[in-house]
mmCIF file of all heavy atoms, coordinates in Angstrom:
data_MODEL
# 
_entry.id   MODEL 
# 
loop_
_atom_site.group_PDB 
_atom_site.id 
_atom_site.type_symbol 
_atom_site.label_atom_id 
_atom_site.label_alt_id 
_atom_site.label_comp_id 
_atom_site.label_asym_id 
_atom_site.label_entity_id 
_atom_site.label_seq_id 
_atom_site.pdbx_PDB_ins_code 
_atom_site.Cartn_x 
_atom_site.Cartn_y 
_atom_site.Cartn_z 
_atom_site.occupancy 
_atom_site.B_iso_or_equiv 
_atom_site.pdbx_formal_charge 
_atom_site.auth_seq_id 
_atom_site.auth_comp_id 
_atom_site.auth_asym_id 
_atom_site.auth_atom_id 
_atom_site.pdbx_PDB_model_num 
ATOM 1   N N   . LEU A 1 1  ? 0.774  -1.117 0.007   1.00 0.00 ? 1  LEU A N   1 
ATOM 2   C CA  . LEU A 1 1  ? -0.049 -0.036 0.008   1.00 0.00 ? 1  LEU A CA  1 
ATOM 3   C C   . LEU A 1 1  ? 0.860  1.321  -0.032  1.00 0.00 ? 1  LEU A C   1 
ATOM 4   O O   . LEU A 1 1  ? 0.600  2.217  -0.717  1.00 0.00 ? 1  LEU A O   1 
ATOM 5   C CB  . LEU A 1 1  ? -0.984 0.114  1.242   1.00 0.00 ? 1  LEU A CB  1 
ATOM 6   C CG  . LEU A 1 1  ? -2.028 1.112  1.203   1.00 0.00 ? 1  LEU A CG  1 
ATOM 7   C CD1 . LEU A 1 1  ? -2.987 0.968  0.206   1.00 0.00 ? 1  LEU A CD1 1 
ATOM 8   C CD2 . LEU A 1 1  ? -2.689 1.071  2.753   1.00 0.00 ? 1  LEU A CD2 1 
ATOM 9   N N   . ARG A 1 2  ? 1.883  1.265  0.817   1.00 0.00 ? 2  ARG A N   1 
ATOM 10  C CA  . ARG A 1 2  ? 2.819  2.464  0.790   1.00 0.00 ? 2  ARG A CA  1 
ATOM 11  C C   . ARG A 1 2  ? 3.523  2.728  -0.499  1.00 0.00 ? 2  ARG A C   1 
ATOM 12  O O   . ARG A 1 2  ? 3.475  3.818  -0.937  1.00 0.00 ? 2  ARG A O   1 
ATOM 13  C CB  . ARG A 1 2  ? 3.836  2.265  1.938   1.00 0.00 ? 2  ARG A CB  1 
ATOM 14  C CG  . ARG A 1 2  ? 4.841  3.307  2.234   1.00 0.00 ? 2  ARG A CG  1 
ATOM 15  C CD  . ARG A 1 2  ? 5.975  3.100  3.067   1.00 0.00 ? 2  ARG A CD  1 
ATOM 16  N NE  . ARG A 1 2  ? 6.839  2.137  2.538   1.00 0.00 ? 2  ARG A NE  1 
ATOM 17  C CZ  . ARG A 1 2  ? 7.048  0.892  3.124   1.00 0.00 ? 2  ARG A CZ  1 
ATOM 18  N NH1 . ARG A 1 2  ? 6.295  0.647  4.157   1.00 0.00 ? 2  ARG A NH1 1 
ATOM 19  N NH2 . ARG A 1 2  ? 7.850  0.091  2.534   1.00 0.00 ? 2  ARG A NH2 1 
ATOM 20  N N   . ASN A 1 3  ? 4.073  1.563  -1.037  1.00 0.00 ? 3  ASN A N   1 
ATOM 21  C CA  . ASN A 1 3  ? 4.767  1.747  -2.252  1.00 0.00 ? 3  ASN A CA  1 
ATOM 22  C C   . ASN A 1 3  ? 3.827  2.151  -3.411  1.00 0.00 ? 3  ASN A C   1 
ATOM 23  O O   . ASN A 1 3  ? 4.139  2.844  -4.319  1.00 0.00 ? 3  ASN A O   1 
ATOM 24  C CB  . ASN A 1 3  ? 5.451  0.440  -2.616  1.00 0.00 ? 3  ASN A CB  1 
ATOM 25  C CG  . ASN A 1 3  ? 6.561  0.125  -1.693  1.00 0.00 ? 3  ASN A CG  1 
ATOM 26  O OD1 . ASN A 1 3  ? 7.227  1.029  -1.067  1.00 0.00 ? 3  ASN A OD1 1 
ATOM 27  N ND2 . ASN A 1 3  ? 7.093  -1.148 -1.642  1.00 0.00 ? 3  ASN A ND2 1 
ATOM 28  N N   . THR A 1 4  ? 2.607  1.588  -3.370  1.00 0.00 ? 4  THR A N   1 
ATOM 29  C CA  . THR A 1 4  ? 1.568  1.910  -4.406  1.00 0.00 ? 4  THR A CA  1 
ATOM 30  C C   . THR A 1 4  ? 1.178  3.409  -4.391  1.00 0.00 ? 4  THR A C   1 
ATOM 31  O O   . THR A 1 4  ? 1.275  4.023  -5.401  1.00 0.00 ? 4  THR A O   1 
ATOM 32  C CB  . THR A 1 4  ? 0.271  1.038  -4.170  1.00 0.00 ? 4  THR A CB  1 
ATOM 33  O OG1 . THR A 1 4  ? 0.619  -0.370 -4.274  1.00 0.00 ? 4  THR A OG1 1 
ATOM 34  C CG2 . THR A 1 4  ? -0.773 1.529  -5.215  1.00 0.00 ? 4  THR A CG2 1 
ATOM 35  N N   . TYR A 1 5  ? 1.017  3.848  -3.114  1.00 0.00 ? 5  TYR A N   1 
ATOM 36  C CA  . TYR A 1 5  ? 0.628  5.336  -3.069  1.00 0.00 ? 5  TYR A CA  1 
ATOM 37  C C   . TYR A 1 5  ? 1.759  6.218  -3.478  1.00 0.00 ? 5  TYR A C   1 
ATOM 38  O O   . TYR A 1 5  ? 1.606  7.292  -4.021  1.00 0.00 ? 5  TYR A O   1 
ATOM 39  C CB  . TYR A 1 5  ? 0.089  5.732  -1.677  1.00 0.00 ? 5  TYR A CB  1 
ATOM 40  C CG  . TYR A 1 5  ? -1.426 5.240  -1.500  1.00 0.00 ? 5  TYR A CG  1 
ATOM 41  C CD1 . TYR A 1 5  ? -1.859 4.800  -0.184  1.00 0.00 ? 5  TYR A CD1 1 
ATOM 42  C CD2 . TYR A 1 5  ? -2.274 5.193  -2.527  1.00 0.00 ? 5  TYR A CD2 1 
ATOM 43  C CE1 . TYR A 1 5  ? -3.138 4.410  -0.027  1.00 0.00 ? 5  TYR A CE1 1 
ATOM 44  C CE2 . TYR A 1 5  ? -3.568 4.687  -2.464  1.00 0.00 ? 5  TYR A CE2 1 
ATOM 45  C CZ  . TYR A 1 5  ? -4.065 4.409  -1.115  1.00 0.00 ? 5  TYR A CZ  1 
ATOM 46  O OH  . TYR A 1 5  ? -5.243 4.011  -1.023  1.00 0.00 ? 5  TYR A OH  1 
ATOM 47  N N   . MET A 1 6  ? 3.004  5.815  -3.120  1.00 0.00 ? 6  MET A N   1 
ATOM 48  C CA  . MET A 1 6  ? 4.256  6.659  -3.576  1.00 0.00 ? 6  MET A CA  1 
ATOM 49  C C   . MET A 1 6  ? 4.345  6.693  -5.005  1.00 0.00 ? 6  MET A C   1 
ATOM 50  O O   . MET A 1 6  ? 4.605  7.730  -5.591  1.00 0.00 ? 6  MET A O   1 
ATOM 51  C CB  . MET A 1 6  ? 5.400  6.124  -2.897  1.00 0.00 ? 6  MET A CB  1 
ATOM 52  C CG  . MET A 1 6  ? 5.603  6.379  -1.318  1.00 0.00 ? 6  MET A CG  1 
ATOM 53  S SD  . MET A 1 6  ? 7.121  5.617  -0.675  1.00 0.00 ? 6  MET A SD  1 
ATOM 54  C CE  . MET A 1 6  ? 8.331  6.379  -1.602  1.00 0.00 ? 6  MET A CE  1 
ATOM 55  N N   . LEU A 1 7  ? 4.274  5.430  -5.612  1.00 0.00 ? 7  LEU A N   1 
ATOM 56  C CA  . LEU A 1 7  ? 4.366  5.473  -7.143  1.00 0.00 ? 7  LEU A CA  1 
ATOM 57  C C   . LEU A 1 7  ? 3.235  6.033  -7.801  1.00 0.00 ? 7  LEU A C   1 
ATOM 58  O O   . LEU A 1 7  ? 3.443  6.763  -8.886  1.00 0.00 ? 7  LEU A O   1 
ATOM 59  C CB  . LEU A 1 7  ? 4.493  3.910  -7.554  1.00 0.00 ? 7  LEU A CB  1 
ATOM 60  C CG  . LEU A 1 7  ? 4.735  3.774  -9.036  1.00 0.00 ? 7  LEU A CG  1 
ATOM 61  C CD1 . LEU A 1 7  ? 6.011  4.336  -9.516  1.00 0.00 ? 7  LEU A CD1 1 
ATOM 62  C CD2 . LEU A 1 7  ? 4.923  2.243  -9.334  1.00 0.00 ? 7  LEU A CD2 1 
ATOM 63  N N   . LEU A 1 8  ? 2.100  6.044  -7.200  1.00 0.00 ? 8  LEU A N   1 
ATOM 64  C CA  . LEU A 1 8  ? 0.917  6.592  -7.881  1.00 0.00 ? 8  LEU A CA  1 
ATOM 65  C C   . LEU A 1 8  ? 1.009  8.122  -7.876  1.00 0.00 ? 8  LEU A C   1 
ATOM 66  O O   . LEU A 1 8  ? 0.726  8.835  -8.832  1.00 0.00 ? 8  LEU A O   1 
ATOM 67  C CB  . LEU A 1 8  ? -0.439 6.227  -7.074  1.00 0.00 ? 8  LEU A CB  1 
ATOM 68  C CG  . LEU A 1 8  ? -1.707 6.796  -7.600  1.00 0.00 ? 8  LEU A CG  1 
ATOM 69  C CD1 . LEU A 1 8  ? -2.058 6.253  -9.044  1.00 0.00 ? 8  LEU A CD1 1 
ATOM 70  C CD2 . LEU A 1 8  ? -2.813 6.452  -6.664  1.00 0.00 ? 8  LEU A CD2 1 
ATOM 71  N N   . GLY A 1 9  ? 1.505  8.620  -6.771  1.00 0.00 ? 9  GLY A N   1 
ATOM 72  C CA  . GLY A 1 9  ? 1.665  10.119 -6.628  1.00 0.00 ? 9  GLY A CA  1 
ATOM 73  C C   . GLY A 1 9  ? 2.633  10.568 -7.775  1.00 0.00 ? 9  GLY A C   1 
ATOM 74  O O   . GLY A 1 9  ? 2.463  11.647 -8.346  1.00 0.00 ? 9  GLY A O   1 
ATOM 75  N N   . MET A 1 10 ? 3.874  9.802  -7.911  1.00 0.00 ? 10 MET A N   1 
ATOM 76  C CA  . MET A 1 10 ? 4.867  10.189 -8.882  1.00 0.00 ? 10 MET A CA  1 
ATOM 77  C C   . MET A 1 10 ? 4.345  10.159 -10.262 1.00 0.00 ? 10 MET A C   1 
ATOM 78  O O   . MET A 1 10 ? 4.550  11.009 -11.082 1.00 0.00 ? 10 MET A O   1 
ATOM 79  C CB  . MET A 1 10 ? 6.134  9.397  -8.663  1.00 0.00 ? 10 MET A CB  1 
ATOM 80  C CG  . MET A 1 10 ? 6.865  9.726  -7.379  1.00 0.00 ? 10 MET A CG  1 
ATOM 81  S SD  . MET A 1 10 ? 8.498  8.903  -7.319  1.00 0.00 ? 10 MET A SD  1 
ATOM 82  C CE  . MET A 1 10 ? 7.959  7.076  -7.010  1.00 0.00 ? 10 MET A CE  1 
ATOM 83  N N   . THR A 1 11 ? 3.560  9.065  -10.536 1.00 0.00 ? 11 THR A N   1 
ATOM 84  C CA  . THR A 1 11 ? 3.045  8.908  -12.026 1.00 0.00 ? 11 THR A CA  1 
ATOM 85  C C   . THR A 1 11 ? 1.979  9.872  -12.324 1.00 0.00 ? 11 THR A C   1 
ATOM 86  O O   . THR A 1 11 ? 1.908  10.308 -13.377 1.00 0.00 ? 11 THR A O   1 
ATOM 87  C CB  . THR A 1 11 ? 2.533  7.341  -12.077 1.00 0.00 ? 11 THR A CB  1 
ATOM 88  O OG1 . THR A 1 11 ? 1.607  7.054  -11.087 1.00 0.00 ? 11 THR A OG1 1 
ATOM 89  C CG2 . THR A 1 11 ? 3.655  6.466  -12.062 1.00 0.00 ? 11 THR A CG2 1 
ATOM 90  N N   . LEU A 1 12 ? 1.197  10.196 -11.319 1.00 0.00 ? 12 LEU A N   1 
ATOM 91  C CA  . LEU A 1 12 ? 0.228  11.249 -11.533 1.00 0.00 ? 12 LEU A CA  1 
ATOM 92  C C   . LEU A 1 12 ? 0.802  12.599 -11.854 1.00 0.00 ? 12 LEU A C   1 
ATOM 93  O O   . LEU A 1 12 ? 0.373  13.380 -12.688 1.00 0.00 ? 12 LEU A O   1 
ATOM 94  C CB  . LEU A 1 12 ? -0.789 11.469 -10.312 1.00 0.00 ? 12 LEU A CB  1 
ATOM 95  C CG  . LEU A 1 12 ? -1.773 10.347 -10.212 1.00 0.00 ? 12 LEU A CG  1 
ATOM 96  C CD1 . LEU A 1 12 ? -2.543 10.453 -8.742  1.00 0.00 ? 12 LEU A CD1 1 
ATOM 97  C CD2 . LEU A 1 12 ? -2.819 10.365 -11.278 1.00 0.00 ? 12 LEU A CD2 1 
ATOM 98  N N   . ALA A 1 13 ? 1.892  12.984 -11.131 1.00 0.00 ? 13 ALA A N   1 
ATOM 99  C CA  . ALA A 1 13 ? 2.678  14.140 -11.329 1.00 0.00 ? 13 ALA A CA  1 
ATOM 100 C C   . ALA A 1 13 ? 3.281  14.073 -12.693 1.00 0.00 ? 13 ALA A C   1 
ATOM 101 O O   . ALA A 1 13 ? 3.211  15.112 -13.419 1.00 0.00 ? 13 ALA A O   1 
ATOM 102 C CB  . ALA A 1 13 ? 3.827  14.367 -10.374 1.00 0.00 ? 13 ALA A CB  1 
ATOM 103 N N   . PHE A 1 14 ? 3.854  12.997 -13.091 1.00 0.00 ? 14 PHE A N   1 
ATOM 104 C CA  . PHE A 1 14 ? 4.376  12.921 -14.483 1.00 0.00 ? 14 PHE A CA  1 
ATOM 105 C C   . PHE A 1 14 ? 3.445  12.977 -15.481 1.00 0.00 ? 14 PHE A C   1 
ATOM 106 O O   . PHE A 1 14 ? 3.602  13.603 -16.655 1.00 0.00 ? 14 PHE A O   1 
ATOM 107 C CB  . PHE A 1 14 ? 5.309  11.588 -14.568 1.00 0.00 ? 14 PHE A CB  1 
ATOM 108 C CG  . PHE A 1 14 ? 5.837  11.303 -15.877 1.00 0.00 ? 14 PHE A CG  1 
ATOM 109 C CD1 . PHE A 1 14 ? 6.973  12.211 -16.297 1.00 0.00 ? 14 PHE A CD1 1 
ATOM 110 C CD2 . PHE A 1 14 ? 5.571  10.353 -16.695 1.00 0.00 ? 14 PHE A CD2 1 
ATOM 111 C CE1 . PHE A 1 14 ? 7.491  11.973 -17.435 1.00 0.00 ? 14 PHE A CE1 1 
ATOM 112 C CE2 . PHE A 1 14 ? 6.196  10.105 -17.865 1.00 0.00 ? 14 PHE A CE2 1 
ATOM 113 C CZ  . PHE A 1 14 ? 7.242  10.991 -18.229 1.00 0.00 ? 14 PHE A CZ  1 
ATOM 114 N N   . SER A 1 15 ? 2.261  12.348 -15.230 1.00 0.00 ? 15 SER A N   1 
ATOM 115 C CA  . SER A 1 15 ? 1.210  12.379 -16.211 1.00 0.00 ? 15 SER A CA  1 
ATOM 116 C C   . SER A 1 15 ? 0.652  13.923 -16.374 1.00 0.00 ? 15 SER A C   1 
ATOM 117 O O   . SER A 1 15 ? 0.414  14.290 -17.458 1.00 0.00 ? 15 SER A O   1 
ATOM 118 C CB  . SER A 1 15 ? 0.059  11.532 -15.845 1.00 0.00 ? 15 SER A CB  1 
ATOM 119 O OG  . SER A 1 15 ? -1.022 11.478 -16.700 1.00 0.00 ? 15 SER A OG  1 
ATOM 120 N N   . ALA A 1 16 ? 0.584  14.619 -15.373 1.00 0.00 ? 16 ALA A N   1 
ATOM 121 C CA  . ALA A 1 16 ? 0.232  16.081 -15.475 1.00 0.00 ? 16 ALA A CA  1 
ATOM 122 C C   . ALA A 1 16 ? 1.237  16.810 -16.276 1.00 0.00 ? 16 ALA A C   1 
ATOM 123 O O   . ALA A 1 16 ? 0.761  17.802 -17.059 1.00 0.00 ? 16 ALA A O   1 
ATOM 124 C CB  . ALA A 1 16 ? 0.088  16.678 -14.011 1.00 0.00 ? 16 ALA A CB  1 
ATOM 125 N N   . LEU A 1 17 ? 2.561  16.554 -16.147 1.00 0.00 ? 17 LEU A N   1 
ATOM 126 C CA  . LEU A 1 17 ? 3.633  17.278 -16.903 1.00 0.00 ? 17 LEU A CA  1 
ATOM 127 C C   . LEU A 1 17 ? 3.520  16.980 -18.361 1.00 0.00 ? 17 LEU A C   1 
ATOM 128 O O   . LEU A 1 17 ? 3.515  17.864 -19.118 1.00 0.00 ? 17 LEU A O   1 
ATOM 129 C CB  . LEU A 1 17 ? 4.981  16.783 -16.482 1.00 0.00 ? 17 LEU A CB  1 
ATOM 130 C CG  . LEU A 1 17 ? 5.432  17.304 -15.140 1.00 0.00 ? 17 LEU A CG  1 
ATOM 131 C CD1 . LEU A 1 17 ? 6.869  16.743 -14.836 1.00 0.00 ? 17 LEU A CD1 1 
ATOM 132 C CD2 . LEU A 1 17 ? 5.562  18.865 -15.311 1.00 0.00 ? 17 LEU A CD2 1 
ATOM 133 N N   . THR A 1 18 ? 3.135  15.752 -18.697 1.00 0.00 ? 18 THR A N   1 
ATOM 134 C CA  . THR A 1 18 ? 3.007  15.340 -20.108 1.00 0.00 ? 18 THR A CA  1 
ATOM 135 C C   . THR A 1 18 ? 1.752  15.960 -20.752 1.00 0.00 ? 18 THR A C   1 
ATOM 136 O O   . THR A 1 18 ? 1.681  16.371 -21.883 1.00 0.00 ? 18 THR A O   1 
ATOM 137 C CB  . THR A 1 18 ? 2.940  13.848 -20.415 1.00 0.00 ? 18 THR A CB  1 
ATOM 138 O OG1 . THR A 1 18 ? 1.998  13.209 -19.639 1.00 0.00 ? 18 THR A OG1 1 
ATOM 139 C CG2 . THR A 1 18 ? 4.412  13.324 -20.065 1.00 0.00 ? 18 THR A CG2 1 
ATOM 140 N N   . ALA A 1 19 ? 0.749  16.071 -19.918 1.00 0.00 ? 19 ALA A N   1 
ATOM 141 C CA  . ALA A 1 19 ? -0.602 16.730 -20.326 1.00 0.00 ? 19 ALA A CA  1 
ATOM 142 C C   . ALA A 1 19 ? -0.378 18.250 -20.551 1.00 0.00 ? 19 ALA A C   1 
ATOM 143 O O   . ALA A 1 19 ? -0.730 18.676 -21.521 1.00 0.00 ? 19 ALA A O   1 
ATOM 144 C CB  . ALA A 1 19 ? -1.592 16.421 -19.288 1.00 0.00 ? 19 ALA A CB  1 
ATOM 145 N N   . PHE A 1 20 ? 0.459  18.812 -19.672 1.00 0.00 ? 20 PHE A N   1 
ATOM 146 C CA  . PHE A 1 20 ? 0.794  20.219 -19.839 1.00 0.00 ? 20 PHE A CA  1 
ATOM 147 C C   . PHE A 1 20 ? 1.584  20.385 -21.164 1.00 0.00 ? 20 PHE A C   1 
ATOM 148 O O   . PHE A 1 20 ? 1.399  21.361 -21.866 1.00 0.00 ? 20 PHE A O   1 
ATOM 149 C CB  . PHE A 1 20 ? 1.576  20.668 -18.663 1.00 0.00 ? 20 PHE A CB  1 
ATOM 150 C CG  . PHE A 1 20 ? 2.026  22.239 -18.741 1.00 0.00 ? 20 PHE A CG  1 
ATOM 151 C CD1 . PHE A 1 20 ? 1.161  23.153 -18.662 1.00 0.00 ? 20 PHE A CD1 1 
ATOM 152 C CD2 . PHE A 1 20 ? 3.393  22.432 -19.145 1.00 0.00 ? 20 PHE A CD2 1 
ATOM 153 C CE1 . PHE A 1 20 ? 1.567  24.629 -18.742 1.00 0.00 ? 20 PHE A CE1 1 
ATOM 154 C CE2 . PHE A 1 20 ? 3.796  23.682 -19.356 1.00 0.00 ? 20 PHE A CE2 1 
ATOM 155 C CZ  . PHE A 1 20 ? 2.906  24.802 -19.084 1.00 0.00 ? 20 PHE A CZ  1 
ATOM 156 N N   . PHE A 1 21 ? 2.431  19.523 -21.390 1.00 0.00 ? 21 PHE A N   1 
ATOM 157 C CA  . PHE A 1 21 ? 3.284  19.538 -22.660 1.00 0.00 ? 21 PHE A CA  1 
ATOM 158 C C   . PHE A 1 21 ? 2.411  19.484 -23.935 1.00 0.00 ? 21 PHE A C   1 
ATOM 159 O O   . PHE A 1 21 ? 2.511  20.190 -24.843 1.00 0.00 ? 21 PHE A O   1 
ATOM 160 C CB  . PHE A 1 21 ? 4.386  18.386 -22.675 1.00 0.00 ? 21 PHE A CB  1 
ATOM 161 C CG  . PHE A 1 21 ? 5.060  18.279 -23.947 1.00 0.00 ? 21 PHE A CG  1 
ATOM 162 C CD1 . PHE A 1 21 ? 6.074  19.077 -24.191 1.00 0.00 ? 21 PHE A CD1 1 
ATOM 163 C CD2 . PHE A 1 21 ? 4.715  17.246 -24.754 1.00 0.00 ? 21 PHE A CD2 1 
ATOM 164 C CE1 . PHE A 1 21 ? 6.892  18.959 -25.507 1.00 0.00 ? 21 PHE A CE1 1 
ATOM 165 C CE2 . PHE A 1 21 ? 5.310  17.210 -26.041 1.00 0.00 ? 21 PHE A CE2 1 
ATOM 166 C CZ  . PHE A 1 21 ? 6.437  17.878 -26.292 1.00 0.00 ? 21 PHE A CZ  1 
ATOM 167 N N   . ALA A 1 22 ? 1.472  18.566 -23.880 1.00 0.00 ? 22 ALA A N   1 
ATOM 168 C CA  . ALA A 1 22 ? 0.459  18.413 -24.901 1.00 0.00 ? 22 ALA A CA  1 
ATOM 169 C C   . ALA A 1 22 ? -0.379 19.546 -25.275 1.00 0.00 ? 22 ALA A C   1 
ATOM 170 O O   . ALA A 1 22 ? -0.588 20.002 -26.301 1.00 0.00 ? 22 ALA A O   1 
ATOM 171 C CB  . ALA A 1 22 ? -0.406 17.153 -24.675 1.00 0.00 ? 22 ALA A CB  1 
ATOM 172 N N   . VAL A 1 23 ? -0.769 20.227 -24.111 1.00 0.00 ? 23 VAL A N   1 
ATOM 173 C CA  . VAL A 1 23 ? -1.585 21.409 -24.188 1.00 0.00 ? 23 VAL A CA  1 
ATOM 174 C C   . VAL A 1 23 ? -0.702 22.480 -24.746 1.00 0.00 ? 23 VAL A C   1 
ATOM 175 O O   . VAL A 1 23 ? -1.312 23.362 -25.786 1.00 0.00 ? 23 VAL A O   1 
ATOM 176 C CB  . VAL A 1 23 ? -2.176 21.875 -22.951 1.00 0.00 ? 23 VAL A CB  1 
ATOM 177 C CG1 . VAL A 1 23 ? -2.801 23.340 -22.938 1.00 0.00 ? 23 VAL A CG1 1 
ATOM 178 C CG2 . VAL A 1 23 ? -3.231 20.857 -22.361 1.00 0.00 ? 23 VAL A CG2 1 
ATOM 179 N N   . ALA A 1 24 ? 0.425  22.726 -24.323 1.00 0.00 ? 24 ALA A N   1 
ATOM 180 C CA  . ALA A 1 24 ? 1.406  23.847 -24.852 1.00 0.00 ? 24 ALA A CA  1 
ATOM 181 C C   . ALA A 1 24 ? 1.750  23.647 -26.164 1.00 0.00 ? 24 ALA A C   1 
ATOM 182 O O   . ALA A 1 24 ? 1.978  24.646 -26.976 1.00 0.00 ? 24 ALA A O   1 
ATOM 183 C CB  . ALA A 1 24 ? 2.615  23.858 -23.870 1.00 0.00 ? 24 ALA A CB  1 
ATOM 184 N N   . THR A 1 25 ? 1.958  22.400 -26.712 1.00 0.00 ? 25 THR A N   1 
ATOM 185 C CA  . THR A 1 25 ? 2.398  22.144 -28.054 1.00 0.00 ? 25 THR A CA  1 
ATOM 186 C C   . THR A 1 25 ? 1.242  21.872 -29.145 1.00 0.00 ? 25 THR A C   1 
ATOM 187 O O   . THR A 1 25 ? 1.489  21.797 -30.221 1.00 0.00 ? 25 THR A O   1 
ATOM 188 C CB  . THR A 1 25 ? 3.381  20.901 -28.060 1.00 0.00 ? 25 THR A CB  1 
ATOM 189 O OG1 . THR A 1 25 ? 2.799  19.785 -27.709 1.00 0.00 ? 25 THR A OG1 1 
ATOM 190 C CG2 . THR A 1 25 ? 4.587  21.275 -27.281 1.00 0.00 ? 25 THR A CG2 1 
ATOM 191 N N   . GLY A 1 26 ? 0.019  21.764 -28.523 1.00 0.00 ? 26 GLY A N   1 
ATOM 192 C CA  . GLY A 1 26 ? -1.065 21.463 -29.313 1.00 0.00 ? 26 GLY A CA  1 
ATOM 193 C C   . GLY A 1 26 ? -1.044 19.967 -30.003 1.00 0.00 ? 26 GLY A C   1 
ATOM 194 O O   . GLY A 1 26 ? -1.542 19.636 -31.123 1.00 0.00 ? 26 GLY A O   1 
ATOM 195 N N   . LEU A 1 27 ? -0.409 19.165 -29.272 1.00 0.00 ? 27 LEU A N   1 
ATOM 196 C CA  . LEU A 1 27 ? -0.236 17.782 -29.688 1.00 0.00 ? 27 LEU A CA  1 
ATOM 197 C C   . LEU A 1 27 ? -1.669 17.139 -29.777 1.00 0.00 ? 27 LEU A C   1 
ATOM 198 O O   . LEU A 1 27 ? -2.469 17.167 -28.972 1.00 0.00 ? 27 LEU A O   1 
ATOM 199 C CB  . LEU A 1 27 ? 0.754  16.934 -28.749 1.00 0.00 ? 27 LEU A CB  1 
ATOM 200 C CG  . LEU A 1 27 ? 0.992  15.437 -29.000 1.00 0.00 ? 27 LEU A CG  1 
ATOM 201 C CD1 . LEU A 1 27 ? 1.743  15.395 -30.319 1.00 0.00 ? 27 LEU A CD1 1 
ATOM 202 C CD2 . LEU A 1 27 ? 1.601  14.774 -27.802 1.00 0.00 ? 27 LEU A CD2 1 
ATOM 203 N N   . ARG A 1 28 ? -1.758 16.233 -30.757 1.00 0.00 ? 28 ARG A N   1 
ATOM 204 C CA  . ARG A 1 28 ? -2.939 15.476 -31.033 1.00 0.00 ? 28 ARG A CA  1 
ATOM 205 C C   . ARG A 1 28 ? -2.751 14.031 -31.280 1.00 0.00 ? 28 ARG A C   1 
ATOM 206 O O   . ARG A 1 28 ? -1.668 13.693 -31.996 1.00 0.00 ? 28 ARG A O   1 
ATOM 207 C CB  . ARG A 1 28 ? -3.769 15.975 -32.335 1.00 0.00 ? 28 ARG A CB  1 
ATOM 208 C CG  . ARG A 1 28 ? -4.352 17.434 -32.082 1.00 0.00 ? 28 ARG A CG  1 
ATOM 209 C CD  . ARG A 1 28 ? -5.486 17.614 -31.103 1.00 0.00 ? 28 ARG A CD  1 
ATOM 210 N NE  . ARG A 1 28 ? -6.000 18.849 -31.005 1.00 0.00 ? 28 ARG A NE  1 
ATOM 211 C CZ  . ARG A 1 28 ? -5.556 19.825 -30.299 1.00 0.00 ? 28 ARG A CZ  1 
ATOM 212 N NH1 . ARG A 1 28 ? -4.629 19.661 -29.546 1.00 0.00 ? 28 ARG A NH1 1 
ATOM 213 N NH2 . ARG A 1 28 ? -6.310 21.008 -30.344 1.00 0.00 ? 28 ARG A NH2 1 
# 
């Protein structure tokens, strides 16, 4: 449970960064 929530937090943050990149570049 501890490792899952730690990894989930990091992957959500990374996913948010790639989503921001897609918005900024207009990626489709």
